[in-house]
Amino acid sequence: MQVRDIMTTAYETIPAGDSIYHAALIMRDEDVGMLPVVNEDGSLLGAVTDRDIVVRGLAEGREPDALVEEVMTPGIICCDAGDDLHTLARKMEQNQVRRVIVVDGKNTVVGVISLGDMATRTRDRDLGGEVLERISRPTAQV
C-alpha cells in the first residue's frame, strides 16, 4: 500500500507571513493540530502546530499577531505520495513524528498523512498501534 492510498487530500496551508492568531483560527475551524507552512509560490517551508503556537509563541511572550514563521518548525520530515506505507511508518518511528506532509517533485504540498490515517484507513490493523508505540518511546539521553 502506498501513501497516496490513505493520505488526506483535503487540508489547509498557511503562508509564513500570516499571524499565529489566524493559524489558530484555521486549526480550530478545521479541527486540526498542524498546518503546512508555504511560501508565496506554494512551496513547503515547514509546519506549524498548535503546540508551536503555545510553546514558541504565547509562552515566549509573542502577541497573537506574531508571524507564523517566528514559531513554525522548519526542515520537517516529508514524503512522496508514491512512498510505501511501511517505509513511511519506519521513517515516522525513527523521527518520532505523528504527521508527515506529502509533497510532489516541486516541493508543493499534495496531502498530509497522520498516524490516525494509518490506524483507520489501512487493512493492517496493527500498523498504527505499532508506530504509536515506537513513536512514544523516550529517546536515549545523552
Protein backbone atom coordinates (compact mmCIF):
# COMPACT_ATOMS: atom_id res chain seq x y z
CA MET A 1 0.00 0.00 0.00
CA GLN A 2 1.22 3.50 -0.81
CA VAL A 3 0.89 6.83 0.95
CA ARG A 4 -1.50 8.10 -1.76
CA ASP A 5 -3.94 5.33 -0.86
CA ILE A 6 -4.67 6.75 2.60
CA MET A 7 -3.35 10.32 2.76
CA THR A 8 -5.67 13.22 3.44
CA THR A 9 -6.02 15.45 0.40
CA ALA A 10 -8.41 17.96 1.97
CA TYR A 11 -6.09 20.15 4.04
CA GLU A 12 -5.35 23.79 4.68
CA THR A 13 -1.97 25.52 4.37
CA ILE A 14 -0.87 28.84 5.79
CA PRO A 15 1.60 31.43 4.46
CA ALA A 16 4.70 32.03 6.60
CA GLY A 17 3.78 35.72 6.86
CA ASP A 18 0.34 35.10 8.32
CA SER A 19 -0.37 35.55 12.04
CA ILE A 20 -0.38 32.83 14.65
CA TYR A 21 -3.87 34.01 15.54
CA HIS A 22 -5.09 33.21 12.02
CA ALA A 23 -3.31 29.85 12.18
CA ALA A 24 -5.12 29.07 15.44
CA LEU A 25 -8.47 30.01 13.90
CA ILE A 26 -7.86 27.69 10.94
CA MET A 27 -6.86 24.87 13.29
CA ARG A 28 -10.00 25.40 15.34
CA ASP A 29 -12.31 25.59 12.33
CA GLU A 30 -10.74 22.62 10.55
CA ASP A 31 -10.25 20.58 13.75
CA VAL A 32 -6.54 20.00 13.05
CA GLY A 33 -3.40 20.45 15.11
CA MET A 34 -0.93 21.14 12.30
CA LEU A 35 -0.77 23.28 9.18
CA PRO A 36 1.82 23.10 6.41
CA VAL A 37 3.55 26.48 6.07
CA VAL A 38 4.12 27.61 2.50
CA ASN A 39 5.99 30.29 0.55
CA GLU A 40 4.24 32.73 -1.73
CA ASP A 41 4.81 30.27 -4.60
CA GLY A 42 3.13 27.48 -2.63
CA SER A 43 6.30 25.53 -1.87
CA LEU A 44 6.65 23.97 1.57
CA LEU A 45 8.71 25.78 4.21
CA GLY A 46 7.78 23.81 7.29
CA ALA A 47 4.86 23.24 9.59
CA VAL A 48 3.19 24.98 12.50
CA THR A 49 1.41 23.05 15.22
CA ASP A 50 -0.92 24.07 17.99
CA ARG A 51 1.96 23.29 20.34
CA ASP A 52 4.31 25.60 18.38
CA ILE A 53 1.82 28.43 18.80
CA VAL A 54 1.60 27.88 22.55
CA VAL A 55 5.20 27.00 23.41
CA ARG A 56 7.19 29.11 20.93
CA GLY A 57 4.57 31.81 20.63
CA LEU A 58 2.44 32.64 23.63
CA ALA A 59 4.72 31.18 26.32
CA GLU A 60 7.60 33.28 24.95
CA GLY A 61 5.52 36.44 25.14
CA ARG A 62 4.57 36.80 21.48
CA GLU A 63 1.34 38.55 20.64
CA PRO A 64 -1.41 36.92 18.53
CA ASP A 65 -0.28 38.99 15.54
CA ALA A 66 3.18 37.38 15.60
CA LEU A 67 4.09 35.72 12.33
CA VAL A 68 3.81 32.00 11.73
CA GLU A 69 7.43 31.97 10.51
CA GLU A 70 8.52 33.02 14.03
CA VAL A 71 7.14 29.86 15.65
CA MET A 72 6.99 27.24 12.87
CA THR A 73 9.17 24.16 12.63
CA PRO A 74 11.36 24.29 9.50
CA GLY A 75 13.04 21.29 7.88
CA ILE A 76 10.28 18.84 8.64
CA ILE A 77 10.00 15.22 7.53
CA CYS A 78 8.18 14.87 4.19
CA CYS A 79 7.31 12.04 1.86
CA ASP A 80 6.08 11.36 -1.67
CA ALA A 81 2.60 10.05 -2.45
CA GLY A 82 4.19 7.00 -4.07
CA ASP A 83 6.17 6.01 -0.98
CA ASP A 84 5.46 2.63 0.58
CA LEU A 85 3.37 2.90 3.72
CA HIS A 86 5.54 0.57 5.80
CA THR A 87 8.66 2.51 4.80
CA LEU A 88 6.96 5.74 5.86
CA ALA A 89 5.93 4.11 9.14
CA ARG A 90 9.58 3.32 9.91
CA LYS A 91 10.55 6.90 8.99
CA MET A 92 7.90 8.22 11.40
CA GLU A 93 9.20 5.93 14.14
CA GLN A 94 12.83 6.94 13.59
CA ASN A 95 11.97 10.63 13.70
CA GLN A 96 9.24 10.28 16.37
CA VAL A 97 6.63 12.20 14.36
CA ARG A 98 2.89 11.58 14.14
CA ARG A 99 2.19 13.54 10.95
CA VAL A 100 4.04 13.85 7.66
CA ILE A 101 3.40 16.29 4.85
CA VAL A 102 3.20 14.75 1.39
CA VAL A 103 4.89 16.78 -1.36
CA ASP A 104 5.37 16.44 -5.10
CA GLY A 105 8.61 16.82 -7.06
CA LYS A 106 8.31 20.62 -6.88
CA ASN A 107 8.02 20.62 -3.06
CA THR A 108 4.34 21.55 -3.30
CA VAL A 109 2.00 20.11 -0.68
CA VAL A 110 -0.33 17.44 -2.10
CA GLY A 111 -1.53 15.87 1.14
CA VAL A 112 -0.96 15.06 4.77
CA ILE A 113 -0.70 11.65 6.36
CA SER A 114 -1.04 11.00 10.06
CA LEU A 115 -0.76 8.18 12.49
CA GLY A 116 -4.57 8.28 12.65
CA ASP A 117 -4.77 7.70 8.89
CA MET A 118 -2.59 4.62 9.29
CA ALA A 119 -4.73 3.33 12.13
CA THR A 120 -8.09 3.84 10.43
CA ARG A 121 -7.54 3.64 6.67
CA THR A 122 -5.41 0.55 6.19
CA ARG A 123 -6.17 -3.12 6.19
CA ASP A 124 -3.19 -3.60 8.51
CA ARG A 125 -4.87 -3.04 11.87
CA ASP A 126 -1.62 -3.44 13.79
CA LEU A 127 0.39 -0.83 11.86
CA GLY A 128 -0.96 2.27 13.60
CA GLY A 129 -0.55 0.77 17.05
CA GLU A 130 2.99 -0.38 16.34
CA VAL A 131 4.02 3.02 15.06
CA LEU A 132 2.39 4.80 18.01
CA GLU A 133 4.18 2.54 20.47
CA ARG A 134 7.57 3.17 18.86
CA ILE A 135 7.00 6.92 18.46
CA SER A 136 6.04 7.20 22.11
CA ARG A 137 9.23 5.59 23.42
CA PRO A 138 11.55 8.05 25.11
CA THR A 139 14.71 8.83 23.18
CA ALA A 140 18.05 7.92 24.70
CA GLN A 141 19.52 10.61 26.94
CA VAL A 142 22.95 11.92 26.01
